[in-house]
PDB file of N, CA and C in Angstrom:
ATOM      1  N   MET A   1      -8.894  -6.831  31.850  1.00  0.00           N
ATOM      2  CA  MET A   1      -8.109  -7.049  32.324  1.00  0.00           C
ATOM      3  C   MET A   1      -7.409  -5.115  33.307  1.00  0.00           C
ATOM      4  N   GLU A   2      -6.778  -5.674  34.025  1.00  0.00           N
ATOM      5  CA  GLU A   2      -6.890  -4.377  35.464  1.00  0.00           C
ATOM      6  C   GLU A   2      -6.202  -3.725  34.875  1.00  0.00           C
ATOM      7  N   GLY A   3      -5.757  -2.108  35.762  1.00  0.00           N
ATOM      8  CA  GLY A   3      -4.543  -1.823  35.391  1.00  0.00           C
ATOM      9  C   GLY A   3      -6.120   0.000  35.353  1.00  0.00           C
ATOM     10  N   THR A   4      -4.694   1.041  34.096  1.00  0.00           N
ATOM     11  CA  THR A   4      -5.417   2.433  35.339  1.00  0.00           C
ATOM     12  C   THR A   4      -5.364   2.308  32.852  1.00  0.00           C
ATOM     13  N   MET A   5      -6.734   3.044  33.311  1.00  0.00           N
ATOM     14  CA  MET A   5      -7.208   3.524  31.501  1.00  0.00           C
ATOM     15  C   MET A   5      -6.399   3.708  31.063  1.00  0.00           C
ATOM     16  N   ASP A   6      -4.765   4.550  30.965  1.00  0.00           N
ATOM     17  CA  ASP A   6      -3.711   4.977  30.678  1.00  0.00           C
ATOM     18  C   ASP A   6      -3.047   3.403  29.896  1.00  0.00           C
ATOM     19  N   GLU A   7      -2.860   2.816  30.954  1.00  0.00           N
ATOM     20  CA  GLU A   7      -2.621   1.208  30.938  1.00  0.00           C
ATOM     21  C   GLU A   7      -2.791   0.588  28.820  1.00  0.00           C
ATOM     22  N   LYS A   8      -4.489   1.001  29.393  1.00  0.00           N
ATOM     23  CA  LYS A   8      -5.412  -0.360  28.502  1.00  0.00           C
ATOM     24  C   LYS A   8      -5.049   0.816  27.555  1.00  0.00           C
ATOM     25  N   ILE A   9      -4.787   1.892  26.950  1.00  0.00           N
ATOM     26  CA  ILE A   9      -4.848   2.253  25.605  1.00  0.00           C
ATOM     27  C   ILE A   9      -3.337   2.746  25.353  1.00  0.00           C
ATOM     28  N   LYS A  10      -2.304   2.218  26.177  1.00  0.00           N
ATOM     29  CA  LYS A  10      -0.953   2.097  26.299  1.00  0.00           C
ATOM     30  C   LYS A  10      -0.854   0.724  25.094  1.00  0.00           C
ATOM     31  N   ARG A  11      -1.331  -0.095  26.167  1.00  0.00           N
ATOM     32  CA  ARG A  11      -1.130  -1.257  25.561  1.00  0.00           C
ATOM     33  C   ARG A  11      -2.376  -1.581  23.726  1.00  0.00           C
ATOM     34  N   ILE A  12      -3.978  -1.495  23.917  1.00  0.00           N
ATOM     35  CA  ILE A  12      -4.434  -0.419  22.471  1.00  0.00           C
ATOM     36  C   ILE A  12      -3.381  -0.388  21.671  1.00  0.00           C
ATOM     37  N   ASN A  13      -2.664   0.719  21.725  1.00  0.00           N
ATOM     38  CA  ASN A  13      -1.649   0.541  21.178  1.00  0.00           C
ATOM     39  C   ASN A  13      -0.656   0.275  20.409  1.00  0.00           C
ATOM     40  N   GLU A  14      -0.048  -0.468  21.654  1.00  0.00           N
ATOM     41  CA  GLU A  14       0.592  -1.131  21.370  1.00  0.00           C
ATOM     42  C   GLU A  14       0.232  -2.121  20.630  1.00  0.00           C
ATOM     43  N   LEU A  15      -0.854  -2.710  20.642  1.00  0.00           N
ATOM     44  CA  LEU A  15      -1.491  -3.529  20.041  1.00  0.00           C
ATOM     45  C   LEU A  15      -1.271  -3.564  18.242  1.00  0.00           C
ATOM     46  N   TYR A  16      -1.711  -2.419  17.649  1.00  0.00           N
ATOM     47  CA  TYR A  16      -2.253  -1.835  17.312  1.00  0.00           C
ATOM     48  C   TYR A  16      -0.901  -1.767  16.182  1.00  0.00           C
ATOM     49  N   HIS A  17      -0.007  -0.688  17.119  1.00  0.00           N
ATOM     50  CA  HIS A  17       1.294  -1.656  15.711  1.00  0.00           C
ATOM     51  C   HIS A  17       1.805  -2.401  15.689  1.00  0.00           C
ATOM     52  N   LEU A  18       1.795  -4.117  15.902  1.00  0.00           N
ATOM     53  CA  LEU A  18       2.407  -5.018  16.500  1.00  0.00           C
ATOM     54  C   LEU A  18       1.651  -5.199  15.167  1.00  0.00           C
ATOM     55  N   SER A  19       0.402  -4.899  15.342  1.00  0.00           N
ATOM     56  CA  SER A  19      -0.916  -5.844  14.459  1.00  0.00           C
ATOM     57  C   SER A  19      -0.528  -4.652  12.756  1.00  0.00           C
ATOM     58  N   GLN A  20       0.384  -3.654  12.645  1.00  0.00           N
ATOM     59  CA  GLN A  20       0.329  -3.784  11.630  1.00  0.00           C
ATOM     60  C   GLN A  20       1.948  -3.937  10.962  1.00  0.00           C
ATOM     61  N   GLU A  21       2.872  -4.717  11.657  1.00  0.00           N
ATOM     62  CA  GLU A  21       4.354  -4.796  11.413  1.00  0.00           C
ATOM     63  C   GLU A  21       3.549  -7.228  11.168  1.00  0.00           C
ATOM     64  N   ARG A  22       2.600  -7.782  11.834  1.00  0.00           N
ATOM     65  CA  ARG A  22       2.545  -8.860  11.996  1.00  0.00           C
ATOM     66  C   ARG A  22       1.159  -8.841  11.992  1.00  0.00           C
ATOM     67  N   ASP A  23       0.361 -10.203  11.755  1.00  0.00           N
ATOM     68  CA  ASP A  23      -0.651 -10.844  12.593  1.00  0.00           C
ATOM     69  C   ASP A  23      -0.938 -10.818  13.816  1.00  0.00           C
ATOM     70  N   LEU A  24      -1.620 -10.577  14.640  1.00  0.00           N
ATOM     71  CA  LEU A  24      -1.660 -10.855  15.611  1.00  0.00           C
ATOM     72  C   LEU A  24      -2.566 -12.042  16.247  1.00  0.00           C
ATOM     73  N   THR A  25      -2.107 -12.269  17.137  1.00  0.00           N
ATOM     74  CA  THR A  25      -2.995 -14.538  17.695  1.00  0.00           C
ATOM     75  C   THR A  25      -3.772 -14.057  18.146  1.00  0.00           C
ATOM     76  N   GLU A  26      -4.472 -14.988  18.549  1.00  0.00           N
ATOM     77  CA  GLU A  26      -6.043 -15.357  18.637  1.00  0.00           C
ATOM     78  C   GLU A  26      -5.787 -14.737  20.186  1.00  0.00           C
ATOM     79  N   GLU A  27      -5.167 -14.421  20.574  1.00  0.00           N
ATOM     80  CA  GLU A  27      -4.930 -14.405  22.551  1.00  0.00           C
ATOM     81  C   GLU A  27      -4.834 -12.632  22.218  1.00  0.00           C
ATOM     82  N   GLU A  28      -3.804 -11.860  20.888  1.00  0.00           N
ATOM     83  CA  GLU A  28      -3.440 -10.950  21.061  1.00  0.00           C
ATOM     84  C   GLU A  28      -4.682 -10.203  20.328  1.00  0.00           C
ATOM     85  N   LYS A  29      -5.616 -11.016  19.925  1.00  0.00           N
ATOM     86  CA  LYS A  29      -6.707 -10.839  19.052  1.00  0.00           C
ATOM     87  C   LYS A  29      -8.150  -9.736  20.503  1.00  0.00           C
ATOM     88  N   LYS A  30      -8.395 -11.428  21.182  1.00  0.00           N
ATOM     89  CA  LYS A  30      -8.896 -11.205  22.484  1.00  0.00           C
ATOM     90  C   LYS A  30      -8.993  -9.973  23.200  1.00  0.00           C
ATOM     91  N   GLU A  31      -7.437 -10.338  23.645  1.00  0.00           N
ATOM     92  CA  GLU A  31      -7.496  -8.994  25.112  1.00  0.00           C
ATOM     93  C   GLU A  31      -7.188  -7.840  24.156  1.00  0.00           C
ATOM     94  N   GLN A  32      -7.297  -7.683  22.121  1.00  0.00           N
ATOM     95  CA  GLN A  32      -7.243  -6.217  22.038  1.00  0.00           C
ATOM     96  C   GLN A  32      -8.678  -5.830  21.504  1.00  0.00           C
ATOM     97  N   ALA A  33      -9.307  -6.894  21.656  1.00  0.00           N
ATOM     98  CA  ALA A  33     -11.269  -6.489  21.510  1.00  0.00           C
ATOM     99  C   ALA A  33     -11.958  -6.254  23.033  1.00  0.00           C
ATOM    100  N   THR A  34     -11.236  -6.888  24.361  1.00  0.00           N
ATOM    101  CA  THR A  34     -11.179  -6.301  25.358  1.00  0.00           C
ATOM    102  C   THR A  34     -10.467  -5.250  26.200  1.00  0.00           C
ATOM    103  N   LEU A  35      -9.705  -4.899  25.594  1.00  0.00           N
ATOM    104  CA  LEU A  35      -9.400  -3.007  25.259  1.00  0.00           C
ATOM    105  C   LEU A  35     -10.163  -2.150  25.492  1.00  0.00           C
ATOM    106  N   ARG A  36     -10.874  -2.821  23.893  1.00  0.00           N
ATOM    107  CA  ARG A  36     -11.194  -1.232  23.637  1.00  0.00           C
ATOM    108  C   ARG A  36     -12.442  -1.263  23.742  1.00  0.00           C
ATOM    109  N   TRP A  37     -13.604  -3.128  24.447  1.00  0.00           N
ATOM    110  CA  TRP A  37     -14.098  -2.329  25.318  1.00  0.00           C
ATOM    111  C   TRP A  37     -14.378  -2.040  26.350  1.00  0.00           C
ATOM    112  N   ASP A  38     -13.515  -1.806  27.174  1.00  0.00           N
ATOM    113  CA  ASP A  38     -13.492  -1.434  28.715  1.00  0.00           C
ATOM    114  C   ASP A  38     -13.626   0.230  28.082  1.00  0.00           C
ATOM    115  N   TYR A  39     -12.435   1.223  26.602  1.00  0.00           N
ATOM    116  CA  TYR A  39     -12.434   1.520  26.529  1.00  0.00           C
ATOM    117  C   TYR A  39     -13.791   2.222  26.131  1.00  0.00           C
ATOM    118  N   ILE A  40     -14.004   2.454  25.219  1.00  0.00           N
ATOM    119  CA  ILE A  40     -15.525   2.477  25.254  1.00  0.00           C
ATOM    120  C   ILE A  40     -16.388   2.735  26.200  1.00  0.00           C
ATOM    121  N   ASN A  41     -16.687   1.491  27.099  1.00  0.00           N
ATOM    122  CA  ASN A  41     -18.211   2.533  28.076  1.00  0.00           C
ATOM    123  C   ASN A  41     -16.775   2.924  29.496  1.00  0.00           C
ATOM    124  N   SER A  42     -16.545   3.635  29.331  1.00  0.00           N
ATOM    125  CA  SER A  42     -15.557   4.286  30.128  1.00  0.00           C
ATOM    126  C   SER A  42     -15.727   5.623  29.552  1.00  0.00           C
ATOM    127  N   ILE A  43     -15.350   5.795  27.911  1.00  0.00           N
ATOM    128  CA  ILE A  43     -16.095   6.550  27.230  1.00  0.00           C
ATOM    129  C   ILE A  43     -17.677   7.030  27.757  1.00  0.00           C
ATOM    130  N   LYS A  44     -18.514   5.823  27.403  1.00  0.00           N
ATOM    131  CA  LYS A  44     -19.556   6.546  27.293  1.00  0.00           C
ATOM    132  C   LYS A  44     -20.326   7.488  28.974  1.00  0.00           C
ATOM    133  N   ARG A  45     -19.649   6.374  29.657  1.00  0.00           N
ATOM    134  CA  ARG A  45     -20.142   6.273  31.412  1.00  0.00           C
ATOM    135  C   ARG A  45     -19.376   8.416  31.894  1.00  0.00           C
ATOM    136  N   ASN A  46     -17.567   8.332  31.460  1.00  0.00           N
ATOM    137  CA  ASN A  46     -18.080   9.608  31.321  1.00  0.00           C
ATOM    138  C   ASN A  46     -18.841  10.826  30.355  1.00  0.00           C
ATOM    139  N   LEU A  47     -18.827  10.240  29.393  1.00  0.00           N
ATOM    140  CA  LEU A  47     -19.366  11.160  29.105  1.00  0.00           C
ATOM    141  C   LEU A  47     -21.240  11.599  29.956  1.00  0.00           C
ATOM    142  N   SER A  48     -22.097  10.191  30.167  1.00  0.00           N
ATOM    143  CA  SER A  48     -23.001  10.612  30.341  1.00  0.00           C
ATOM    144  C   SER A  48     -22.884  10.650  31.569  1.00  0.00           C
ATOM    145  N   SER A  49     -22.154  11.029  32.925  1.00  0.00           N
ATOM    146  CA  SER A  49     -21.940  11.645  33.875  1.00  0.00           C
ATOM    147  C   SER A  49     -21.449  13.293  33.771  1.00  0.00           C
ATOM    148  N   GLN A  50     -20.775  13.736  32.448  1.00  0.00           N
ATOM    149  CA  GLN A  50     -21.292  15.192  32.232  1.00  0.00           C
ATOM    150  C   GLN A  50     -22.512  15.214  31.989  1.00  0.00           C
ATOM    151  N   LEU A  51     -23.709  14.847  31.195  1.00  0.00           N
ATOM    152  CA  LEU A  51     -24.718  14.776  30.688  1.00  0.00           C
ATOM    153  C   LEU A  51     -25.333  14.697  31.694  1.00  0.00           C
ATOM    154  N   GLU A  52     -25.596  14.185  32.714  1.00  0.00           N
ATOM    155  CA  GLU A  52     -26.325  14.692  33.743  1.00  0.00           C
ATOM    156  C   GLU A  52     -25.594  15.716  34.558  1.00  0.00           C
ATOM    157  N   SER A  53     -25.438  16.659  34.336  1.00  0.00           N
ATOM    158  CA  SER A  53     -24.790  17.020  35.305  1.00  0.00           C
ATOM    159  C   SER A  53     -24.656  19.182  34.458  1.00  0.00           C
ATOM    160  N   ILE A  54     -26.022  18.776  33.224  1.00  0.00           N
ATOM    161  CA  ILE A  54     -25.631  19.848  33.384  1.00  0.00           C
ATOM    162  C   ILE A  54     -28.133  20.473  33.321  1.00  0.00           C
ATOM    163  N   THR A  55     -27.817  21.248  33.054  1.00  0.00           N
ATOM    164  CA  THR A  55     -28.000  22.633  33.750  1.00  0.00           C
ATOM    165  C   THR A  55     -29.252  23.361  32.595  1.00  0.00           C
ATOM    166  N   ILE A  56     -30.695  22.944  31.946  1.00  0.00           N
ATOM    167  CA  ILE A  56     -30.961  23.980  31.305  1.00  0.00           C
ATOM    168  C   ILE A  56     -32.006  24.998  31.306  1.00  0.00           C
ATOM    169  N   LYS A  57     -31.178  26.581  31.290  1.00  0.00           N
ATOM    170  CA  LYS A  57     -32.229  26.962  31.518  1.00  0.00           C
ATOM    171  C   LYS A  57     -33.860  27.734  30.246  1.00  0.00           C
ATOM    172  N   GLU A  58     -34.625  27.145  30.599  1.00  0.00           N
ATOM    173  CA  GLU A  58     -35.891  28.245  30.299  1.00  0.00           C
ATOM    174  C   GLU A  58     -35.977  28.874  29.693  1.00  0.00           C
ATOM    175  N   PRO A  59     -36.366  29.548  28.023  1.00  0.00           N
ATOM    176  CA  PRO A  59     -36.730  30.900  28.263  1.00  0.00           C
ATOM    177  C   PRO A  59     -37.617  31.680  29.741  1.00  0.00           C
ATOM    178  N   ASP A  60     -38.600  30.711  30.067  1.00  0.00           N
ATOM    179  CA  ASP A  60     -39.594  30.904  31.429  1.00  0.00           C
ATOM    180  C   ASP A  60     -38.461  30.963  33.069  1.00  0.00           C
ATOM    181  N   GLY A  61     -36.513  30.703  32.761  1.00  0.00           N
ATOM    182  CA  GLY A  61     -36.397  31.576  33.495  1.00  0.00           C
ATOM    183  C   GLY A  61     -36.358  29.923  34.828  1.00  0.00           C
ATOM    184  N   THR A  62     -37.003  28.940  33.671  1.00  0.00           N
ATOM    185  CA  THR A  62     -36.787  27.932  34.802  1.00  0.00           C
ATOM    186  C   THR A  62     -35.589  26.720  34.939  1.00  0.00           C
ATOM    187  N   LEU A  63     -35.385  26.383  35.889  1.00  0.00           N
ATOM    188  CA  LEU A  63     -34.172  25.753  35.427  1.00  0.00           C
ATOM    189  C   LEU A  63     -34.482  23.905  34.966  1.00  0.00           C
ATOM    190  N   ARG A  64     -33.993  23.217  34.077  1.00  0.00           N
ATOM    191  CA  ARG A  64     -34.433  21.423  34.132  1.00  0.00           C
ATOM    192  C   ARG A  64     -32.777  20.796  33.823  1.00  0.00           C
ATOM    193  N   LYS A  65     -33.389  19.734  34.464  1.00  0.00           N
ATOM    194  CA  LYS A  65     -31.972  18.872  34.586  1.00  0.00           C
ATOM    195  C   LYS A  65     -32.476  17.959  32.944  1.00  0.00           C
ATOM    196  N   VAL A  66     -30.654  18.086  32.468  1.00  0.00           N
ATOM    197  CA  VAL A  66     -30.301  17.057  31.721  1.00  0.00           C
ATOM    198  C   VAL A  66     -31.446  15.776  31.948  1.00  0.00           C
ATOM    199  N   THR A  67     -31.839  14.857  30.837  1.00  0.00           N
ATOM    200  CA  THR A  67     -32.629  13.737  31.752  1.00  0.00           C
ATOM    201  C   THR A  67     -31.966  13.211  30.341  1.00  0.00           C
ATOM    202  N   LYS A  68     -31.577  12.161  30.352  1.00  0.00           N
ATOM    203  CA  LYS A  68     -32.164  10.263  29.638  1.00  0.00           C
ATOM    204  C   LYS A  68     -33.922   9.930  28.526  1.00  0.00           C
ATOM    205  N   ASN A  69     -32.743  10.778  27.765  1.00  0.00           N
ATOM    206  CA  ASN A  69     -34.293   9.371  25.992  1.00  0.00           C
ATOM    207  C   ASN A  69     -35.294   8.461  26.283  1.00  0.00           C
ATOM    208  N   LYS A  70     -35.557   8.289  26.835  1.00  0.00           N
ATOM    209  CA  LYS A  70     -36.191   6.915  27.169  1.00  0.00           C
ATOM    210  C   LYS A  70     -36.571   6.210  25.258  1.00  0.00           C
ATOM    211  N   GLY A  71     -36.529   7.260  24.670  1.00  0.00           N
ATOM    212  CA  GLY A  71     -37.228   6.275  23.618  1.00  0.00           C
ATOM    213  C   GLY A  71     -36.123   6.433  22.782  1.00  0.00           C
TER     214      GLY A  71
END
């Protein structure tokens, strides 16, 4: 689905409220799943970007960038 994240969140909420009133159609369920997946991936990307910008100051004064754990 195209659109801004705010538009996607609004549609996720619309589908949620609709699901409280009646069963969603298969098409609506697929749309909801896709929108939720997009939202989760967006959150992961934002968190990764934030973590990559963090520098830790070690007790000896050296600075170390946070790196992705490969384990």
